[in-house]
Protein backbone atom coordinates (compact mmCIF):
# COMPACT_ATOMS: atom_id res chain seq x y z
CA MET A 1 0.00 0.00 0.00
CA ASN A 2 1.34 3.41 -0.97
CA ASN A 3 0.45 6.15 1.53
CA ILE A 4 0.50 9.63 0.01
CA ALA A 5 -0.61 12.78 1.81
CA ALA A 6 -0.87 16.45 0.93
CA VAL A 7 -0.17 19.04 3.61
CA LEU A 8 -2.06 22.27 2.92
CA HIS A 9 -3.31 25.37 4.65
CA ASP A 10 -6.93 24.45 3.81
CA LEU A 11 -9.10 22.58 1.32
CA GLY A 12 -11.26 25.62 0.53
CA PRO A 13 -11.91 27.22 -2.84
CA SER A 14 -8.60 27.54 -4.66
CA GLN A 15 -7.03 26.18 -7.79
CA LYS A 16 -4.47 24.29 -5.68
CA SER A 17 -7.14 22.52 -3.59
CA PHE A 18 -9.33 21.79 -6.60
CA TYR A 19 -6.60 20.03 -8.58
CA MET A 20 -5.21 18.23 -5.54
CA ILE A 21 -8.60 16.79 -4.56
CA LYS A 22 -9.45 15.90 -8.17
CA GLU A 23 -6.19 13.99 -8.69
CA PHE A 24 -6.15 12.40 -5.22
CA ASN A 25 -9.72 11.15 -5.79
CA LYS A 26 -8.48 9.30 -8.89
CA LEU A 27 -5.70 7.63 -6.89
CA ALA A 28 -8.01 6.88 -3.95
CA ALA A 29 -10.11 4.76 -6.31
CA LEU A 30 -7.14 2.43 -6.87
CA LYS A 31 -6.57 -0.36 -4.36
CA ASP A 32 -2.79 0.22 -4.19
CA PHE A 33 -3.05 3.77 -2.85
CA SER A 34 -4.17 5.32 0.42
CA MET A 35 -4.56 9.08 0.08
CA SER A 36 -4.79 11.68 2.84
CA ALA A 37 -4.81 15.42 3.32
CA PHE A 38 -3.66 17.32 6.39
CA TYR A 39 -4.83 20.91 6.79
CA SER A 40 -4.04 23.62 9.32
CA ARG A 41 -7.27 25.59 8.88
CA PRO A 42 -10.66 23.84 8.70
CA SER A 43 -12.78 24.81 5.69
CA MET A 44 -15.41 23.39 3.39
CA PRO A 45 -13.60 21.47 0.61
CA VAL A 46 -13.88 22.99 -2.86
CA VAL A 47 -14.98 19.55 -4.17
CA LYS A 48 -15.86 16.37 -2.27
CA PRO A 49 -12.74 14.38 -1.31
CA PHE A 50 -12.97 10.58 -1.32
CA PHE A 51 -10.03 10.18 1.05
CA SER A 52 -9.12 11.00 4.63
CA CYS A 53 -8.85 14.71 5.53
CA ARG A 54 -7.47 15.49 8.98
CA ASN A 55 -6.06 18.34 10.99
CA ILE A 56 -2.30 18.79 10.78
CA SER A 57 -2.01 17.77 14.43
CA PHE A 58 -2.39 14.15 13.22
CA LEU A 59 0.61 14.44 10.87
CA SER A 60 3.02 13.02 13.45
CA GLY A 61 1.38 9.60 13.09
CA PHE A 62 1.65 9.52 9.29
CA ASN A 63 4.00 7.10 7.52
CA GLY A 64 4.41 7.47 3.77
CA ILE A 65 4.98 10.26 1.27
CA ALA A 66 4.01 13.72 2.57
CA ILE A 67 3.78 16.61 0.12
CA ALA A 68 3.64 20.14 1.53
CA THR A 69 2.36 22.93 -0.70
CA SER A 70 3.84 26.08 0.85
CA LEU A 71 6.86 27.11 2.87
CA GLN A 72 4.74 27.32 6.03
CA ASP A 73 3.35 23.82 5.43
CA ALA A 74 6.86 22.53 4.68
CA SER A 75 8.06 24.00 7.97
CA SER A 76 5.29 22.09 9.79
CA LEU A 77 6.17 18.94 7.87
CA LEU A 78 9.85 19.24 8.78
CA ARG A 79 8.99 19.79 12.46
CA SER A 80 6.79 16.68 12.54
CA ASP A 81 8.63 13.70 13.89
CA ASN A 82 7.35 11.04 11.55
CA ASN A 83 8.79 8.52 9.16
CA SER A 84 7.65 10.15 5.94
CA LYS A 85 9.41 10.98 2.69
CA LYS A 86 9.11 14.76 2.66
CA TYR A 87 8.35 16.80 -0.46
CA LEU A 88 7.53 20.43 -1.09
CA TYR A 89 5.33 20.97 -4.13
CA LEU A 90 5.96 24.69 -4.39
CA TRP A 91 2.67 25.86 -5.84
CA ASP A 92 3.48 29.59 -5.71
CA ILE A 93 6.75 31.45 -5.53
CA GLU A 94 5.76 32.78 -2.12
CA TRP A 95 8.73 35.04 -1.44
CA LEU A 96 7.76 37.11 -4.51
CA ILE A 97 4.12 37.47 -3.41
CA ASN A 98 4.50 37.90 0.36
CA PRO A 99 7.88 39.17 1.49
CA MET A 100 9.51 37.00 4.16
CA PRO A 101 12.93 36.88 5.73
CA PHE A 102 15.46 35.34 3.37
CA SER A 103 16.87 33.14 6.13
CA THR A 104 13.43 31.66 6.90
CA ALA A 105 12.77 30.71 3.27
CA ILE A 106 16.26 29.45 2.57
CA ASN A 107 16.46 27.32 5.73
CA ILE A 108 13.31 25.47 4.67
CA LEU A 109 14.26 25.10 1.01
CA LEU A 110 17.80 23.88 1.74
CA ASP A 111 16.76 21.29 4.32
CA LYS A 112 18.26 18.00 3.12
CA ARG A 113 15.15 16.03 4.13
CA LEU A 114 13.01 18.03 1.70
CA ASN A 115 12.66 17.25 -2.01
CA ILE A 116 11.32 20.19 -4.01
CA ILE A 117 8.81 19.79 -6.84
CA ALA A 118 8.08 22.78 -9.10
CA ARG A 119 4.77 23.57 -10.76
CA SER A 120 6.35 24.60 -14.08
CA LYS A 121 9.75 24.86 -15.73
CA SER A 122 9.78 28.62 -15.17
CA HIS A 123 9.06 28.06 -11.45
CA ALA A 124 11.88 25.50 -11.34
CA LEU A 125 14.34 28.06 -12.72
CA ILE A 126 13.24 30.69 -10.17
CA ILE A 127 13.55 28.19 -7.29
CA GLU A 128 16.98 27.00 -8.39
CA ASN A 129 18.19 30.58 -8.83
CA PHE A 130 16.85 31.60 -5.41
CA CYS A 131 18.25 28.76 -3.28
CA ASN A 132 20.81 27.05 -5.54
CA LYS A 133 19.06 23.69 -5.11
CA LYS A 134 17.78 21.62 -8.01
CA VAL A 135 14.14 20.59 -8.03
CA VAL A 136 13.48 16.86 -8.30
CA GLY A 137 10.86 17.39 -10.98
CA VAL A 138 8.03 19.42 -12.45
CA VAL A 139 4.37 18.50 -11.90
CA ASP A 140 1.68 20.57 -13.59
CA ASN A 141 -1.47 21.11 -11.48
CA TRP A 142 -1.08 17.91 -9.42
CA ASN A 143 -0.96 15.85 -12.66
CA LEU A 144 -1.32 12.26 -11.50
CA ASN A 145 0.94 10.70 -14.15
CA GLN A 146 3.73 13.24 -13.63
CA LEU A 147 3.55 12.92 -9.85
CA LEU A 148 3.61 9.11 -9.85
CA SER A 149 6.44 9.07 -12.38
CA LEU A 150 8.49 11.40 -10.18
CA LEU A 151 7.80 9.38 -7.02
CA THR A 152 8.59 6.11 -8.84
CA GLU A 153 11.92 7.48 -10.11
CA ALA A 154 12.80 8.44 -6.54
CA GLY A 155 11.99 4.88 -5.43
CA HIS A 156 9.22 6.00 -3.07
CA VAL A 157 6.31 4.31 -4.89
């Protein structure tokens, strides 16, 4: 059984939540996958999820592949003491939208436990230029085939 979880701020109306739930629902229908979502703020999901959705306080008990979607979520993921393979699917280039201390962003991005996934090739170039760390791959809008291919190449699925 392959356990895969997304770690997000919320499941409310956003493009990120919509695509994540849509693609995770496809995987949840397969018997080889157990999908989950951990959120830090409760909200009404943008579409109905057919998988487990829990508060981030339950993340410490998770064992599998955990994919954070923001620097804040990645920080929570890194602080959790669990046996998960940790990824950051950097949906937005946050430091360009909301200014944050350079040291805060760089400490998260350069953490050796964290594998970074970009949303597009242009995002990958910005990330690599900002922190001098290569992304492990590019996944467009939670594309199921791209995500599974990336995780398979890494030996995690």
